[in-house]
C-alpha atoms as a PDB file:
ATOM      1  CA  MET A   1      10.185  11.828 -27.722  1.00  0.00           C
ATOM      2  CA  SER A   2       8.978   8.290 -27.079  1.00  0.00           C
ATOM      3  CA  ALA A   3       6.107   9.202 -24.753  1.00  0.00           C
ATOM      4  CA  ARG A   4       2.540   8.685 -25.925  1.00  0.00           C
ATOM      5  CA  PRO A   5       0.270  11.740 -26.012  1.00  0.00           C
ATOM      6  CA  SER A   6      -1.539  10.440 -22.921  1.00  0.00           C
ATOM      7  CA  GLU A   7       1.822  10.443 -21.085  1.00  0.00           C
ATOM      8  CA  LEU A   8       2.777  13.989 -22.016  1.00  0.00           C
ATOM      9  CA  ARG A   9       3.179  15.416 -18.563  1.00  0.00           C
ATOM     10  CA  LEU A  10       6.011  16.470 -16.307  1.00  0.00           C
ATOM     11  CA  TRP A  11       7.996  13.462 -15.129  1.00  0.00           C
ATOM     12  CA  ALA A  12      10.429  13.418 -12.213  1.00  0.00           C
ATOM     13  CA  PRO A  13      13.870  12.728 -13.742  1.00  0.00           C
ATOM     14  CA  ASP A  14      14.387   9.647 -11.541  1.00  0.00           C
ATOM     15  CA  LYS A  15      11.351   8.037 -13.195  1.00  0.00           C
ATOM     16  CA  THR A  16      12.591   8.534 -16.772  1.00  0.00           C
ATOM     17  CA  PHE A  17      14.917   6.411 -18.905  1.00  0.00           C
ATOM     18  CA  SER A  18      16.579   6.698 -22.282  1.00  0.00           C
ATOM     19  CA  GLU A  19      15.964   2.985 -22.963  1.00  0.00           C
ATOM     20  CA  SER A  20      12.561   1.373 -23.416  1.00  0.00           C
ATOM     21  CA  VAL A  21      10.746   0.650 -20.148  1.00  0.00           C
ATOM     22  CA  ASN A  22       7.326  -0.421 -21.432  1.00  0.00           C
ATOM     23  CA  TYR A  23       7.223  -3.075 -18.696  1.00  0.00           C
ATOM     24  CA  LEU A  24       7.349  -0.272 -16.068  1.00  0.00           C
ATOM     25  CA  ARG A  25       4.383   1.770 -17.365  1.00  0.00           C
ATOM     26  CA  PRO A  26       2.447   3.718 -16.190  1.00  0.00           C
ATOM     27  CA  LEU A  27       4.824   4.635 -13.344  1.00  0.00           C
ATOM     28  CA  ARG A  28       8.014   5.001 -15.413  1.00  0.00           C
ATOM     29  CA  VAL A  29       8.574   6.236 -18.956  1.00  0.00           C
ATOM     30  CA  GLN A  30      11.135   6.336 -21.741  1.00  0.00           C
ATOM     31  CA  ILE A  31      12.026   9.842 -22.847  1.00  0.00           C
ATOM     32  CA  ALA A  32      14.390   9.832 -25.799  1.00  0.00           C
ATOM     33  CA  SER A  33      15.457  12.261 -28.473  1.00  0.00           C
ATOM     34  CA  THR A  34      17.568  12.066 -31.609  1.00  0.00           C
ATOM     35  CA  ASP A  35      18.798  15.592 -30.845  1.00  0.00           C
ATOM     36  CA  VAL A  36      22.175  15.068 -29.140  1.00  0.00           C
ATOM     37  CA  ARG A  37      21.987  18.328 -27.189  1.00  0.00           C
ATOM     38  CA  LEU A  38      18.475  17.650 -25.920  1.00  0.00           C
ATOM     39  CA  SER A  39      19.458  14.107 -24.967  1.00  0.00           C
ATOM     40  CA  ALA A  40      22.522  15.372 -23.074  1.00  0.00           C
ATOM     41  CA  GLY A  41      20.319  17.907 -21.278  1.00  0.00           C
ATOM     42  CA  LEU A  42      17.897  15.188 -20.193  1.00  0.00           C
ATOM     43  CA  ASP A  43      20.823  13.196 -18.802  1.00  0.00           C
ATOM     44  CA  VAL A  44      22.075  16.230 -16.866  1.00  0.00           C
ATOM     45  CA  LEU A  45      18.599  16.670 -15.395  1.00  0.00           C
ATOM     46  CA  GLY A  46      18.717  13.092 -14.068  1.00  0.00           C
ATOM     47  CA  ARG A  47      17.320  10.795 -16.740  1.00  0.00           C
ATOM     48  CA  HIS A  48      18.674   7.254 -16.437  1.00  0.00           C
ATOM     49  CA  GLY A  49      19.854   4.902 -19.180  1.00  0.00           C
ATOM     50  CA  ALA A  50      18.531   1.423 -18.379  1.00  0.00           C
ATOM     51  CA  PRO A  51      16.836   0.442 -15.109  1.00  0.00           C
ATOM     52  CA  GLU A  52      19.140  -0.961 -12.442  1.00  0.00           C
ATOM     53  CA  LEU A  53      18.203  -2.995  -9.370  1.00  0.00           C
ATOM     54  CA  ARG A  54      17.368   0.082  -7.294  1.00  0.00           C
ATOM     55  CA  HIS A  55      15.062   1.396 -10.053  1.00  0.00           C
ATOM     56  CA  LEU A  56      13.184  -1.900 -10.220  1.00  0.00           C
ATOM     57  CA  VAL A  57      12.784  -2.018  -6.437  1.00  0.00           C
ATOM     58  CA  GLU A  58      11.590   1.604  -6.379  1.00  0.00           C
ATOM     59  CA  PHE A  59       9.107   0.757  -9.134  1.00  0.00           C
ATOM     60  CA  LEU A  60       7.737  -2.195  -7.138  1.00  0.00           C
ATOM     61  CA  GLN A  61       7.440  -0.038  -4.028  1.00  0.00           C
ATOM     62  CA  ASP A  62       5.592   2.648  -6.017  1.00  0.00           C
ATOM     63  CA  PHE A  63       3.455  -0.018  -7.728  1.00  0.00           C
ATOM     64  CA  ARG A  64       2.495  -1.465  -4.337  1.00  0.00           C
ATOM     65  CA  GLU A  65       1.621   2.008  -3.049  1.00  0.00           C
ATOM     66  CA  TYR A  66      -0.359   2.833  -6.223  1.00  0.00           C
ATOM     67  CA  PHE A  67      -2.454  -0.353  -5.943  1.00  0.00           C
ATOM     68  CA  GLU A  68      -2.583  -0.540  -2.149  1.00  0.00           C
ATOM     69  CA  ASN A  69      -5.759  -2.027  -0.656  1.00  0.00           C
ATOM     70  CA  ARG A  70      -6.889  -3.418  -3.993  1.00  0.00           C
ATOM     71  CA  ARG A  71      -6.562  -6.783  -5.692  1.00  0.00           C
ATOM     72  CA  LEU A  72      -4.520  -6.520  -8.893  1.00  0.00           C
ATOM     73  CA  SER A  73      -5.998  -7.461 -12.241  1.00  0.00           C
ATOM     74  CA  ALA A  74      -4.363 -10.365 -14.062  1.00  0.00           C
ATOM     75  CA  THR A  75      -2.461  -7.894 -16.278  1.00  0.00           C
ATOM     76  CA  GLU A  76      -1.238  -5.858 -13.295  1.00  0.00           C
ATOM     77  CA  ALA A  77      -0.165  -9.000 -11.409  1.00  0.00           C
ATOM     78  CA  GLU A  78       1.671 -10.222 -14.523  1.00  0.00           C
ATOM     79  CA  GLN A  79       3.488  -6.883 -14.754  1.00  0.00           C
ATOM     80  CA  ALA A  80       4.530  -7.038 -11.093  1.00  0.00           C
ATOM     81  CA  LEU A  81       5.708 -10.636 -11.441  1.00  0.00           C
ATOM     82  CA  ARG A  82       7.713  -9.791 -14.544  1.00  0.00           C
ATOM     83  CA  VAL A  83       9.628  -7.127 -12.640  1.00  0.00           C
ATOM     84  CA  LEU A  84      10.007  -9.353  -9.543  1.00  0.00           C
ATOM     85  CA  TYR A  85      11.510 -12.121 -11.671  1.00  0.00           C
ATOM     86  CA  MET A  86      13.977  -9.640 -13.203  1.00  0.00           C
ATOM     87  CA  LEU A  87      15.469  -8.829  -9.803  1.00  0.00           C
ATOM     88  CA  PRO A  88      17.614 -11.908  -9.074  1.00  0.00           C
ATOM     89  CA  ARG A  89      19.401 -11.430 -12.391  1.00  0.00           C
ATOM     90  CA  SER A  90      20.044  -7.779 -11.621  1.00  0.00           C
ATOM     91  CA  GLU A  91      22.801  -8.128  -9.022  1.00  0.00           C
ATOM     92  CA  ASN A  92      23.726 -11.769  -8.464  1.00  0.00           C
ATOM     93  CA  GLY A  93      20.556 -12.500  -6.535  1.00  0.00           C
ATOM     94  CA  ASN A  94      21.145 -10.008  -3.704  1.00  0.00           C
ATOM     95  CA  LEU A  95      17.679  -8.678  -2.934  1.00  0.00           C
ATOM     96  CA  PRO A  96      16.847  -5.773  -0.637  1.00  0.00           C
ATOM     97  CA  GLN A  97      15.065  -6.451   2.642  1.00  0.00           C
ATOM     98  CA  ASP A  98      12.253  -3.965   1.925  1.00  0.00           C
ATOM     99  CA  LEU A  99      11.109  -5.587  -1.309  1.00  0.00           C
ATOM    100  CA  PRO A 100       7.294  -5.793  -1.642  1.00  0.00           C
ATOM    101  CA  VAL A 101       5.801  -9.269  -2.060  1.00  0.00           C
ATOM    102  CA  LEU A 102       2.814 -10.214  -4.213  1.00  0.00           C
ATOM    103  CA  THR A 103       0.498 -12.814  -2.626  1.00  0.00           C
ATOM    104  CA  THR A 104      -1.417 -15.609  -4.329  1.00  0.00           C
ATOM    105  CA  GLN A 105      -4.496 -13.387  -4.067  1.00  0.00           C
ATOM    106  CA  SER A 106      -2.701 -10.717  -6.174  1.00  0.00           C
ATOM    107  CA  GLN A 107      -2.351  -8.354  -3.240  1.00  0.00           C
ATOM    108  CA  TRP A 108       0.802  -6.718  -1.899  1.00  0.00           C
ATOM    109  CA  LEU A 109       2.479  -7.402   1.421  1.00  0.00           C
ATOM    110  CA  LEU A 110       4.828  -4.836   2.855  1.00  0.00           C
ATOM    111  CA  GLN A 111       8.194  -6.575   2.887  1.00  0.00           C
ATOM    112  CA  ALA A 112       9.903  -9.674   1.611  1.00  0.00           C
ATOM    113  CA  ARG A 113      11.887 -10.203   4.824  1.00  0.00           C
ATOM    114  CA  GLN A 114       8.693 -11.566   6.345  1.00  0.00           C
ATOM    115  CA  PHE A 115       9.245 -14.674   4.196  1.00  0.00           C
ATOM    116  CA  GLY A 116      12.954 -15.415   4.320  1.00  0.00           C
ATOM    117  CA  ARG A 117      13.541 -16.168   0.644  1.00  0.00           C
ATOM    118  CA  ILE A 118      11.705 -14.163  -2.009  1.00  0.00           C
ATOM    119  CA  ARG A 119      11.248 -17.059  -4.452  1.00  0.00           C
ATOM    120  CA  SER A 120       9.064 -18.903  -1.952  1.00  0.00           C
ATOM    121  CA  ALA A 121       6.800 -15.851  -1.741  1.00  0.00           C
ATOM    122  CA  ILE A 122       6.357 -15.231  -5.488  1.00  0.00           C
ATOM    123  CA  VAL A 123       3.388 -17.329  -6.535  1.00  0.00           C
ATOM    124  CA  THR A 124       0.385 -16.802  -8.749  1.00  0.00           C
ATOM    125  CA  ASP A 125      -3.207 -17.986  -8.718  1.00  0.00           C
END
């Protein structure tokens, strides 16, 4: 398994991936095995391969909820921005209307549709 000892806990299958997702920690994790049968079992249970657009959006929504009412640290804001900047390349730039937005004060707003275009709302201090 690829999980660190501190991450050894039960994970919902929809929050696990066979590929590395270090940029989605601590809310998502890679669970991998060299045992073909175990790996197939994890896939049957719902483990994903690589994150797709919907996984990234779900991560950002969970991230916003996790850090709600609190200013993000520089590291946390950098992590959120990294995932936000991955989105346009995920599906030809089609972004969901309920995408959380990170403000210049490193706080979350509820939805990107409040701003028209997401790029104009992604700024850092």
